[in-house]
Amino acid sequence: MSTLITIIVTFFAGMGAGLGTGFAGLSAAAVISPMLITFLGMDPYMAVGIALSSDVLASAVSAYTYGKNKNLDVKNGLIMMVTVLCFTVVGIRQIGSYVSSLVPSATMGSFSVFMTFLLGIKFIVRPVMTTKEAMQGVSAKKRAIQSIICGVLIGFICGFIGAGGGMMMLLILTSVLGYELKTAVGTSVFIMAFTAFTGAASHFAIGGKPDWFVLILCIAFTLLWARIAAVFANKASAKTLNRATGIVLVILGIVVFAFSLLS
């Protein structure tokens, strides 16, 4: 019975995480971690490590799908990725850790969930209808500078709340940098593949070996649903994708909030 429960929990965790990744570039940690902690009684540190590991392949496959459909900005994605990693792990992380020590962890977690819910509402009510032609109107130099500045901001936010990188990248790419939605999601998952790998490696290096059965199931289910979501997203119209992304984020926000009440 315990094996069956594990399979059921990891299936739904992987489905939620995969849909969030494929549609919105959302980190799998936002969905998988609370489910493993709540229903399988897993150690929180190990649960985050498994969630980040699930994120690596799911984000990489999603990025490949978006890139194959020419919905990926590799150049500026690399610039932002390096900046995010530097300011999360090396510099701003120290400031963020100090600031976060002054704020209860429950408050920081609630902030991430609340922002996910609000971002979903935003995509439904005010969809992103920017075109690729409008994106290309921005000079390469200006875009690179914007990517660095936004990478610093995202790095600080990740250091402050310890999660939410994918969500914040999607918000900033669409609202601040003016990306078309598909390109924003493609670039976000491209960055998340590298940041998730770094996070997962550090978690297991510090915390030890994971539960391999749970890890393999989470990776497989997350990868499956991320692939399905990414293929659908790249074929959908801008209006349909905005609506689907918004609905997924709203549902995930509500579900994760419900899990936080159970834990």
Protein backbone atom coordinates (compact mmCIF):
# COMPACT_ATOMS: atom_id res chain seq x y z
CA MET A 1 0.00 0.00 0.00
CA SER A 2 2.84 2.42 0.84
CA THR A 3 4.36 1.84 -2.62
CA LEU A 4 1.00 2.59 -4.26
CA ILE A 5 0.63 5.78 -2.21
CA THR A 6 4.14 6.85 -3.21
CA ILE A 7 3.33 6.31 -6.89
CA ILE A 8 0.05 8.24 -6.62
CA VAL A 9 1.64 11.15 -4.75
CA THR A 10 4.61 11.41 -7.12
CA PHE A 11 2.31 11.14 -10.16
CA PHE A 12 0.19 14.13 -9.13
CA ALA A 13 3.24 16.02 -7.89
CA GLY A 14 4.97 15.41 -11.22
CA MET A 15 1.85 16.36 -13.15
CA GLY A 16 1.51 19.69 -11.34
CA ALA A 17 5.22 20.43 -11.59
CA GLY A 18 5.43 19.37 -15.24
CA LEU A 19 2.47 21.49 -16.30
CA GLY A 20 3.87 24.44 -14.36
CA THR A 21 7.26 23.99 -16.02
CA GLY A 22 6.01 23.41 -19.57
CA PHE A 23 3.45 26.22 -19.54
CA ALA A 24 5.05 28.85 -17.33
CA GLY A 25 8.65 27.88 -16.55
CA LEU A 26 7.66 27.44 -12.91
CA SER A 27 10.11 25.65 -10.63
CA ALA A 28 9.11 22.08 -9.76
CA ALA A 29 10.09 22.81 -6.16
CA ALA A 30 6.97 24.92 -5.77
CA VAL A 31 4.77 21.83 -6.24
CA ILE A 32 6.77 18.68 -5.57
CA SER A 33 8.36 19.74 -2.26
CA PRO A 34 5.13 20.42 -0.31
CA MET A 35 3.51 17.23 -1.62
CA LEU A 36 6.45 15.01 -0.63
CA ILE A 37 6.63 16.66 2.78
CA THR A 38 2.87 16.56 3.44
CA PHE A 39 1.93 13.11 2.10
CA LEU A 40 5.16 11.10 2.33
CA GLY A 41 6.59 12.72 5.46
CA MET A 42 9.88 13.40 3.72
CA ASP A 43 12.60 15.60 5.19
CA PRO A 44 12.10 19.13 3.72
CA TYR A 45 15.73 19.52 2.66
CA MET A 46 15.70 16.21 0.78
CA ALA A 47 12.29 16.99 -0.74
CA VAL A 48 13.65 20.22 -2.23
CA GLY A 49 16.66 18.33 -3.61
CA ILE A 50 14.38 15.78 -5.33
CA ALA A 51 12.17 18.59 -6.67
CA LEU A 52 15.17 20.43 -8.12
CA SER A 53 16.43 17.19 -9.70
CA SER A 54 13.02 16.74 -11.33
CA ASP A 55 13.32 20.28 -12.64
CA VAL A 56 16.56 19.65 -14.52
CA LEU A 57 15.36 17.26 -17.24
CA ALA A 58 11.86 18.74 -17.39
CA SER A 59 13.24 22.24 -17.94
CA ALA A 60 15.87 21.01 -20.41
CA VAL A 61 13.33 19.12 -22.52
CA SER A 62 10.91 22.06 -22.37
CA ALA A 63 13.71 24.43 -23.42
CA TYR A 64 14.57 22.13 -26.34
CA THR A 65 10.92 22.10 -27.44
CA TYR A 66 10.65 25.89 -27.25
CA GLY A 67 14.03 26.31 -28.97
CA LYS A 68 13.04 23.96 -31.80
CA ASN A 69 10.04 26.21 -32.40
CA LYS A 70 12.29 29.31 -32.31
CA ASN A 71 10.80 30.52 -29.02
CA LEU A 72 14.05 30.81 -27.06
CA ASP A 73 16.49 33.71 -26.56
CA VAL A 74 19.72 31.81 -25.83
CA LYS A 75 22.09 34.80 -25.84
CA ASN A 76 20.26 36.91 -23.29
CA GLY A 77 19.16 33.79 -21.43
CA LEU A 78 22.82 32.93 -20.79
CA ILE A 79 23.54 36.48 -19.62
CA MET A 80 20.63 36.39 -17.18
CA MET A 81 21.46 32.86 -16.02
CA VAL A 82 25.05 33.76 -15.08
CA THR A 83 23.88 36.88 -13.27
CA VAL A 84 21.14 35.04 -11.37
CA LEU A 85 23.54 32.30 -10.26
CA CYS A 86 26.21 34.77 -9.15
CA PHE A 87 23.89 36.99 -7.16
CA THR A 88 21.98 34.08 -5.64
CA VAL A 89 24.86 31.83 -4.61
CA VAL A 90 27.79 34.21 -4.10
CA GLY A 91 26.88 37.78 -3.31
CA ILE A 92 23.28 38.81 -2.79
CA ARG A 93 22.46 35.41 -1.21
CA GLN A 94 24.29 36.55 1.90
CA ILE A 95 22.22 39.73 2.10
CA GLY A 96 19.08 37.78 1.31
CA SER A 97 19.83 35.25 4.03
CA TYR A 98 20.26 38.05 6.56
CA VAL A 99 17.05 39.78 5.50
CA SER A 100 15.13 36.49 5.40
CA SER A 101 16.28 35.71 8.95
CA LEU A 102 14.19 38.68 10.05
CA VAL A 103 11.08 37.31 8.32
CA PRO A 104 9.31 34.05 9.34
CA SER A 105 9.75 31.21 6.80
CA ALA A 106 5.99 30.74 6.65
CA THR A 107 5.62 34.34 5.53
CA MET A 108 8.19 33.88 2.76
CA GLY A 109 6.50 30.69 1.59
CA SER A 110 3.10 32.36 1.58
CA PHE A 111 4.55 35.22 -0.47
CA SER A 112 5.72 32.79 -3.18
CA VAL A 113 2.34 31.02 -3.30
CA PHE A 114 0.45 34.31 -3.33
CA MET A 115 2.59 35.64 -6.19
CA THR A 116 1.97 32.46 -8.20
CA PHE A 117 -1.78 32.92 -7.79
CA LEU A 118 -1.64 36.63 -8.71
CA LEU A 119 0.54 35.94 -11.75
CA GLY A 120 -2.05 33.43 -12.96
CA ILE A 121 -4.83 35.99 -12.57
CA LYS A 122 -2.69 38.51 -14.45
CA PHE A 123 -2.31 36.21 -17.49
CA ILE A 124 -6.06 35.59 -17.59
CA VAL A 125 -7.18 39.20 -17.10
CA ARG A 126 -4.33 40.98 -18.91
CA PRO A 127 -2.77 38.53 -21.37
CA VAL A 128 0.69 39.13 -22.83
CA MET A 129 0.11 39.91 -26.50
CA THR A 130 3.58 41.22 -27.37
CA THR A 131 4.79 40.06 -30.80
CA LYS A 132 8.25 38.87 -31.80
CA GLU A 133 8.50 41.83 -34.14
CA ALA A 134 8.10 44.20 -31.17
CA MET A 135 10.73 42.23 -29.24
CA GLN A 136 13.22 42.56 -32.07
CA GLY A 137 12.78 46.33 -32.03
CA VAL A 138 14.95 46.52 -28.89
CA SER A 139 18.70 46.90 -29.52
CA ALA A 140 21.00 44.03 -28.57
CA LYS A 141 23.01 46.24 -26.20
CA LYS A 142 19.93 47.49 -24.38
CA ARG A 143 18.56 43.95 -24.08
CA ALA A 144 21.86 42.67 -22.64
CA ILE A 145 21.95 45.46 -20.04
CA GLN A 146 18.32 44.78 -19.13
CA SER A 147 19.12 41.06 -18.75
CA ILE A 148 21.96 41.79 -16.32
CA ILE A 149 19.89 44.18 -14.20
CA CYS A 150 16.93 41.80 -14.08
CA GLY A 151 19.26 38.87 -13.30
CA VAL A 152 20.52 40.77 -10.25
CA LEU A 153 16.94 41.41 -9.12
CA ILE A 154 15.90 37.77 -9.58
CA GLY A 155 19.05 36.58 -7.80
CA PHE A 156 18.26 38.74 -4.80
CA ILE A 157 14.65 37.53 -4.71
CA CYS A 158 15.80 33.88 -4.88
CA GLY A 159 18.26 34.53 -2.07
CA PHE A 160 15.54 36.23 -0.04
CA ILE A 161 12.69 33.72 -0.31
CA GLY A 162 14.74 30.67 -1.36
CA ALA A 163 12.42 29.86 -4.28
CA GLY A 164 10.27 31.44 -6.92
CA GLY A 165 13.02 31.94 -9.51
CA GLY A 166 10.99 30.58 -12.42
CA MET A 167 7.93 32.58 -11.45
CA MET A 168 9.90 35.80 -11.09
CA MET A 169 11.72 35.22 -14.38
CA LEU A 170 8.44 34.81 -16.23
CA LEU A 171 7.01 37.95 -14.65
CA ILE A 172 10.10 40.04 -15.39
CA LEU A 173 10.63 38.69 -18.90
CA THR A 174 7.06 39.52 -19.90
CA SER A 175 6.35 42.66 -17.87
CA VAL A 176 9.76 44.36 -17.70
CA LEU A 177 11.75 43.11 -20.70
CA GLY A 178 8.69 42.95 -22.96
CA TYR A 179 9.15 39.38 -24.17
CA GLU A 180 6.49 37.57 -26.17
CA LEU A 181 5.01 34.87 -23.90
CA LYS A 182 6.33 31.78 -25.68
CA THR A 183 9.84 33.22 -25.86
CA ALA A 184 9.61 34.26 -22.20
CA VAL A 185 8.68 30.74 -21.09
CA GLY A 186 11.29 29.14 -23.38
CA THR A 187 14.03 31.42 -22.03
CA SER A 188 12.85 30.86 -18.45
CA VAL A 189 13.01 27.05 -18.64
CA PHE A 190 16.39 27.30 -20.37
CA ILE A 191 17.74 29.23 -17.37
CA MET A 192 15.94 26.99 -14.86
CA ALA A 193 17.60 23.85 -16.25
CA PHE A 194 21.01 25.17 -15.17
CA THR A 195 19.94 26.74 -11.88
CA ALA A 196 18.02 23.59 -10.89
CA PHE A 197 21.06 21.41 -11.63
CA THR A 198 23.24 23.63 -9.44
CA GLY A 199 20.68 23.55 -6.63
CA ALA A 200 20.13 19.80 -6.82
CA ALA A 201 23.85 19.02 -6.83
CA SER A 202 24.47 21.20 -3.77
CA HIS A 203 21.50 19.68 -1.92
CA PHE A 204 22.68 16.10 -2.41
CA ALA A 205 26.31 16.98 -1.74
CA ILE A 206 25.29 18.36 1.66
CA GLY A 207 22.27 16.22 2.51
CA GLY A 208 23.42 12.83 1.19
CA LYS A 209 21.74 10.27 -1.08
CA PRO A 210 18.03 10.73 -1.87
CA ASP A 211 15.23 8.15 -1.88
CA TRP A 212 16.00 6.77 -5.34
CA PHE A 213 12.51 5.34 -5.91
CA VAL A 214 10.82 8.67 -5.20
CA LEU A 215 13.48 10.56 -7.17
CA ILE A 216 13.07 8.41 -10.31
CA LEU A 217 9.27 8.60 -10.17
CA CYS A 218 9.27 12.39 -9.72
CA ILE A 219 11.74 12.89 -12.58
CA ALA A 220 9.77 10.61 -14.92
CA PHE A 221 6.32 12.09 -14.19
CA THR A 222 7.55 15.69 -14.25
CA LEU A 223 9.36 15.09 -17.54
CA LEU A 224 6.28 13.48 -19.10
CA TRP A 225 3.89 16.32 -18.22
CA ALA A 226 6.42 19.06 -19.00
CA ARG A 227 6.87 17.61 -22.48
CA ILE A 228 3.09 17.47 -23.03
CA ALA A 229 2.65 21.05 -21.81
CA ALA A 230 5.56 22.41 -23.88
CA VAL A 231 4.32 20.78 -27.10
CA PHE A 232 0.80 22.16 -26.52
CA ALA A 233 2.10 25.62 -25.61
CA ASN A 234 4.17 25.95 -28.78
CA LYS A 235 1.21 25.01 -30.97
CA ALA A 236 -1.34 27.21 -29.18
CA SER A 237 -2.26 30.76 -30.11
CA ALA A 238 -1.11 33.61 -27.86
CA LYS A 239 -4.58 34.06 -26.40
CA THR A 240 -5.03 30.35 -25.68
CA LEU A 241 -1.56 30.07 -24.15
CA ASN A 242 -2.16 33.06 -21.87
CA ARG A 243 -5.40 31.54 -20.66
CA ALA A 244 -3.92 28.07 -20.16
CA THR A 245 -0.87 29.47 -18.35
CA GLY A 246 -3.08 31.60 -16.12
CA ILE A 247 -5.35 28.70 -15.21
CA VAL A 248 -2.39 26.42 -14.41
CA LEU A 249 -0.79 29.06 -12.16
CA VAL A 250 -4.04 29.83 -10.34
CA ILE A 251 -4.72 26.14 -9.69
CA LEU A 252 -1.14 25.52 -8.55
CA GLY A 253 -1.31 28.54 -6.23
CA ILE A 254 -4.50 27.25 -4.61
CA VAL A 255 -3.26 23.65 -4.35
CA VAL A 256 0.12 24.58 -2.85
CA PHE A 257 -1.61 26.89 -0.36
CA ALA A 258 -3.92 24.02 0.64
CA PHE A 259 -0.90 21.73 1.15
CA SER A 260 0.77 24.37 3.33
CA LEU A 261 -2.27 24.31 5.60
CA LEU A 262 -2.07 20.52 5.91
CA SER A 263 1.63 20.41 6.72
